[in-house]
Amino acid sequence: MIRLVALDIDGTLLRPGVSVDALPESDVTEAVRQLEAQGIAVVLASGRMYPGTARVARHLGIARPLIAQQGASVHNPDGSLRHGYSIDQTIALELLDYARAHSWPLAWFDSERYLVTRHSPQAQFFADVSQIRIEIDPEPHRSGIRATGIDVISTRDQAALVHQELYRRYGDQLSLLDFPSVTAIHAPEASKGNALAMLASEMGILPEEVLAIGDSVNDVSMLAWAGQSAAPEHCDNYARAAAKEILPGTGIDGVIALLRGLVR
């Protein structure tokens, strides 16, 4: 029996390619509200920062802890920080030097502020979906922020090589996510899977009672941890390998059908 459903937002609750200010459509919203009404807890687990995640939660009527920043921060319903993980400061400074040496923009952020060494389309997109203001700061380490997230923003051709190089240097000292033109970096404890495991434990819910749904590399940890997991047909190769079920249908149609199927 499923007692907890963990849902990614972008590409899972929202169709790929929608505008940065889009909200879940009525079919998704109704399914989530019916699950909550019958006692199945719904938790959002997003790569977005808290404001952008909370905006979707409010629309869906979810008043539960939220997993944000790939699990680097977990927030109570009022926005206060429940769990948070900062990157080792020595490594963070080395990452800044690495990005500078290659003339790549770097994002440096915690659960409240988002700093970038210079503007880029990728940084603007993340800020927009996160409902957060970009601060341009070529010296982000002097801001007083202990980074819970660092993004090295390169190119589609180079991002995989950046991922490989940083893994060679740091191994399990960091959590590295390989996106098409961004290498997302967090503390080793920071993952959606670890955050979901903590919340489930606090609620007295076992892994086999959890369904996780996501479509991307940042969802792999929770797709692997949950007793049941699924990914929509358009998912990337990382999610496809981790999910226990691939949902048929265009866009998020398969996600909607699965959520409706849980409603008794």
Protein backbone atom coordinates (compact mmCIF):
# COMPACT_ATOMS: atom_id res chain seq x y z
CA MET A 1 0.00 0.00 0.00
CA ILE A 2 1.33 3.43 -0.92
CA ARG A 3 1.36 5.93 1.97
CA LEU A 4 3.68 8.57 0.51
CA VAL A 5 4.13 9.90 -3.04
CA ALA A 6 7.25 11.96 -3.83
CA LEU A 7 6.99 14.09 -6.94
CA ASP A 8 9.52 16.00 -8.98
CA ILE A 9 8.14 19.21 -10.53
CA ASP A 10 9.75 20.10 -13.86
CA GLY A 11 9.06 17.45 -16.49
CA THR A 12 6.98 15.42 -14.02
CA LEU A 13 4.16 17.62 -12.70
CA LEU A 14 4.78 20.21 -15.42
CA ARG A 15 5.01 19.27 -19.07
CA PRO A 16 8.41 19.77 -20.72
CA GLY A 17 8.79 23.14 -22.38
CA VAL A 18 6.17 25.08 -20.40
CA SER A 19 6.88 28.66 -19.35
CA VAL A 20 8.95 29.33 -16.23
CA ASP A 21 5.88 30.61 -14.37
CA ALA A 22 3.64 27.65 -15.28
CA LEU A 23 1.66 25.81 -12.60
CA PRO A 24 0.33 22.23 -12.67
CA GLU A 25 -2.77 21.79 -14.79
CA SER A 26 -6.14 20.94 -13.34
CA ASP A 27 -5.88 17.15 -13.81
CA VAL A 28 -2.65 17.03 -11.81
CA THR A 29 -3.96 19.37 -9.14
CA GLU A 30 -7.15 17.38 -8.64
CA ALA A 31 -5.29 14.05 -8.44
CA VAL A 32 -2.88 15.39 -5.79
CA ARG A 33 -5.68 16.86 -3.73
CA GLN A 34 -7.62 13.59 -3.84
CA LEU A 35 -4.54 11.65 -2.68
CA GLU A 36 -4.09 13.97 0.28
CA ALA A 37 -7.81 13.77 1.07
CA GLN A 38 -7.65 9.98 1.38
CA GLY A 39 -4.57 10.07 3.60
CA ILE A 40 -1.74 9.53 1.11
CA ALA A 41 0.98 12.09 1.85
CA VAL A 42 2.36 13.99 -1.15
CA VAL A 43 5.83 15.55 -0.95
CA LEU A 44 7.45 17.71 -3.62
CA ALA A 45 11.14 17.02 -4.34
CA SER A 46 12.63 19.60 -6.67
CA GLY A 47 15.92 20.99 -7.89
CA ARG A 48 14.40 24.45 -7.55
CA MET A 49 15.16 26.66 -4.58
CA TYR A 50 12.49 26.91 -1.90
CA PRO A 51 10.40 29.86 -3.26
CA GLY A 52 9.78 28.19 -6.62
CA THR A 53 9.01 24.85 -4.97
CA ALA A 54 6.68 26.43 -2.41
CA ARG A 55 4.72 28.25 -5.13
CA VAL A 56 3.81 24.91 -6.72
CA ALA A 57 3.03 23.37 -3.32
CA ARG A 58 0.60 26.18 -2.50
CA HIS A 59 -1.13 25.74 -5.85
CA LEU A 60 -1.54 22.01 -5.16
CA GLY A 61 -2.72 22.56 -1.59
CA ILE A 62 0.26 20.71 -0.08
CA ALA A 63 1.15 21.77 3.46
CA ARG A 64 4.04 19.42 4.13
CA PRO A 65 7.83 19.67 4.28
CA LEU A 66 9.39 20.43 0.89
CA ILE A 67 12.58 19.01 -0.60
CA ALA A 68 14.44 21.71 -2.55
CA GLN A 69 17.86 22.17 -4.17
CA GLN A 70 18.21 18.47 -5.04
CA GLY A 71 17.84 17.67 -1.32
CA ALA A 72 20.45 20.18 -0.12
CA SER A 73 17.67 21.94 1.78
CA VAL A 74 14.47 20.57 3.28
CA HIS A 75 11.96 23.15 4.47
CA ASN A 76 9.04 23.15 6.87
CA PRO A 77 5.71 24.37 5.45
CA ASP A 78 6.40 27.85 6.85
CA GLY A 79 9.66 28.03 4.90
CA SER A 80 12.01 27.54 7.83
CA LEU A 81 14.94 25.23 7.25
CA ARG A 82 14.42 21.68 8.51
CA HIS A 83 17.63 20.13 7.13
CA GLY A 84 20.47 21.72 5.19
CA TYR A 85 23.89 20.69 3.90
CA SER A 86 26.71 23.06 2.95
CA ILE A 87 29.59 22.24 0.63
CA ASP A 88 33.01 22.03 2.30
CA GLN A 89 34.37 25.59 2.12
CA THR A 90 37.85 24.57 0.95
CA ILE A 91 36.36 22.58 -1.91
CA ALA A 92 33.94 25.39 -2.72
CA LEU A 93 36.85 27.80 -3.15
CA GLU A 94 38.65 25.29 -5.36
CA LEU A 95 35.54 25.00 -7.53
CA LEU A 96 35.43 28.78 -7.90
CA ASP A 97 39.07 28.80 -9.02
CA TYR A 98 38.35 25.95 -11.45
CA ALA A 99 35.49 27.84 -13.10
CA ARG A 100 37.59 31.01 -13.30
CA ALA A 101 40.48 29.14 -14.93
CA HIS A 102 38.11 28.08 -17.72
CA SER A 103 36.26 31.42 -17.91
CA TRP A 104 32.96 29.74 -17.06
CA PRO A 105 30.18 31.38 -15.03
CA LEU A 106 29.63 29.87 -11.61
CA ALA A 107 26.53 30.00 -9.42
CA TRP A 108 26.96 30.03 -5.63
CA PHE A 109 23.82 29.78 -3.51
CA ASP A 110 22.12 28.69 -0.33
CA SER A 111 18.43 28.32 0.52
CA GLU A 112 17.81 32.09 0.37
CA ARG A 113 20.22 33.81 -2.02
CA TYR A 114 21.46 33.06 -5.54
CA LEU A 115 24.76 34.59 -6.67
CA VAL A 116 26.42 34.17 -10.07
CA THR A 117 29.83 35.38 -11.13
CA ARG A 118 28.31 36.63 -14.39
CA HIS A 119 24.98 36.35 -16.15
CA SER A 120 24.10 33.33 -18.28
CA PRO A 121 20.86 31.95 -19.79
CA GLN A 122 21.14 28.85 -17.62
CA ALA A 123 21.43 30.90 -14.44
CA GLN A 124 18.50 33.09 -15.48
CA PHE A 125 16.31 30.06 -16.12
CA PHE A 126 17.11 28.56 -12.71
CA ALA A 127 16.45 31.88 -10.99
CA ASP A 128 13.15 32.28 -12.81
CA VAL A 129 11.78 28.82 -11.96
CA SER A 130 13.07 29.22 -8.41
CA GLN A 131 11.31 32.59 -8.05
CA ILE A 132 14.55 34.10 -6.79
CA ARG A 133 16.52 37.22 -7.73
CA ILE A 134 19.95 36.83 -9.34
CA GLU A 135 22.79 38.69 -7.65
CA ILE A 136 25.81 39.24 -9.90
CA ASP A 137 28.91 38.89 -7.74
CA PRO A 138 32.35 37.96 -9.14
CA GLU A 139 33.48 37.25 -5.55
CA PRO A 140 30.60 35.14 -4.16
CA HIS A 141 32.79 33.58 -1.47
CA ARG A 142 33.04 37.01 0.18
CA SER A 143 29.24 37.31 0.52
CA GLY A 144 29.05 35.43 3.80
CA ILE A 145 27.01 32.66 2.14
CA ARG A 146 28.04 29.07 2.85
CA ALA A 147 27.11 27.45 -0.42
CA THR A 148 24.65 24.57 -0.33
CA GLY A 149 24.77 24.55 -4.12
CA ILE A 150 27.39 25.43 -6.74
CA ASP A 151 26.79 25.21 -10.48
CA VAL A 152 29.64 25.23 -12.98
CA ILE A 153 28.00 26.54 -16.15
CA SER A 154 29.88 25.37 -19.23
CA THR A 155 28.42 24.12 -22.55
CA ARG A 156 26.61 21.09 -23.90
CA ASP A 157 29.90 19.87 -25.39
CA GLN A 158 31.93 20.34 -22.22
CA ALA A 159 29.59 19.59 -19.31
CA ALA A 160 30.16 15.83 -19.35
CA LEU A 161 33.93 16.40 -19.30
CA VAL A 162 33.55 18.82 -16.37
CA HIS A 163 31.58 16.17 -14.51
CA GLN A 164 34.27 13.56 -15.17
CA GLU A 165 37.09 15.88 -14.11
CA LEU A 166 35.41 16.93 -10.88
CA TYR A 167 34.54 13.34 -10.00
CA ARG A 168 38.17 12.36 -10.63
CA ARG A 169 39.30 15.12 -8.24
CA TYR A 170 36.73 14.79 -5.48
CA GLY A 171 34.98 11.45 -5.81
CA ASP A 172 32.47 10.94 -3.01
CA GLN A 173 33.37 14.22 -1.31
CA LEU A 174 30.71 15.84 -3.49
CA SER A 175 27.34 15.05 -5.01
CA LEU A 176 27.68 15.76 -8.75
CA LEU A 177 24.78 15.95 -11.22
CA ASP A 178 25.49 15.94 -14.94
CA PHE A 179 23.01 18.23 -16.71
CA PRO A 180 23.34 19.11 -20.43
CA SER A 181 25.31 22.36 -19.92
CA VAL A 182 25.59 22.59 -16.12
CA THR A 183 27.42 20.52 -13.53
CA ALA A 184 25.39 20.84 -10.32
CA ILE A 185 27.42 20.35 -7.15
CA HIS A 186 26.23 19.74 -3.59
CA ALA A 187 27.44 18.20 -0.35
CA PRO A 188 27.67 14.40 -0.47
CA GLU A 189 24.67 14.02 1.87
CA ALA A 190 22.50 16.21 -0.35
CA SER A 191 20.21 14.20 -2.58
CA LYS A 192 16.49 13.82 -3.10
CA GLY A 193 16.81 10.20 -2.02
CA ASN A 194 18.42 10.99 1.34
CA ALA A 195 15.93 13.79 2.00
CA LEU A 196 13.00 11.54 1.14
CA ALA A 197 14.36 8.77 3.37
CA MET A 198 14.59 11.20 6.30
CA LEU A 199 11.07 12.52 5.84
CA ALA A 200 9.62 9.04 5.43
CA SER A 201 11.38 7.87 8.60
CA GLU A 202 10.07 10.86 10.55
CA MET A 203 6.55 9.97 9.35
CA GLY A 204 6.94 6.29 10.21
CA ILE A 205 6.69 5.25 6.55
CA LEU A 206 8.73 2.37 5.09
CA PRO A 207 10.49 2.50 1.69
CA GLU A 208 8.08 -0.09 0.27
CA GLU A 209 5.21 2.27 1.11
CA VAL A 210 6.71 5.08 -1.00
CA LEU A 211 6.18 5.88 -4.68
CA ALA A 212 8.64 8.31 -6.27
CA ILE A 213 8.15 9.86 -9.72
CA GLY A 214 10.77 11.87 -11.60
CA ASP A 215 12.27 12.34 -15.03
CA SER A 216 15.91 13.38 -14.67
CA VAL A 217 19.36 12.68 -13.26
CA ASN A 218 18.54 14.59 -10.07
CA ASP A 219 15.68 12.15 -9.38
CA VAL A 220 17.79 8.99 -9.57
CA SER A 221 18.49 8.74 -5.84
CA MET A 222 14.81 8.86 -4.86
CA LEU A 223 13.76 6.61 -7.74
CA ALA A 224 16.28 4.03 -6.52
CA TRP A 225 15.38 4.38 -2.81
CA ALA A 226 11.61 4.21 -3.04
CA GLY A 227 9.93 0.84 -3.03
CA GLN A 228 8.00 1.86 -6.13
CA SER A 229 9.20 4.40 -8.68
CA ALA A 230 8.26 5.58 -12.14
CA ALA A 231 9.43 7.98 -14.84
CA PRO A 232 7.56 9.46 -17.80
CA GLU A 233 8.46 8.29 -21.29
CA HIS A 234 10.47 11.45 -22.07
CA CYS A 235 12.84 10.91 -19.11
CA ASP A 236 16.62 11.05 -19.50
CA ASN A 237 18.79 7.94 -19.54
CA TYR A 238 19.72 8.25 -15.85
CA ALA A 239 16.09 8.23 -14.71
CA ARG A 240 15.21 5.49 -17.19
CA ALA A 241 17.84 3.21 -15.67
CA ALA A 242 16.77 3.95 -12.07
CA ALA A 243 12.96 3.87 -12.34
CA LYS A 244 11.16 0.62 -11.74
CA GLU A 245 8.48 1.58 -14.29
CA ILE A 246 8.44 3.75 -17.42
CA LEU A 247 5.07 5.38 -17.89
CA PRO A 248 3.56 5.36 -21.39
CA GLY A 249 2.01 8.43 -22.93
CA THR A 250 2.95 11.86 -24.20
CA GLY A 251 4.39 14.45 -21.82
CA ILE A 252 3.04 13.85 -18.31
CA ASP A 253 -0.06 11.91 -19.36
CA GLY A 254 1.39 8.75 -17.80
CA VAL A 255 2.07 10.55 -14.52
CA ILE A 256 -1.52 11.79 -14.37
CA ALA A 257 -2.86 8.29 -15.07
CA LEU A 258 -0.67 6.77 -12.34
CA LEU A 259 -1.75 9.33 -9.74
CA ARG A 260 -5.41 8.85 -10.66
CA GLY A 261 -4.95 5.10 -10.31
CA LEU A 262 -3.92 5.52 -6.68
CA VAL A 263 -7.16 7.31 -5.83
CA ARG A 264 -9.66 4.87 -4.34
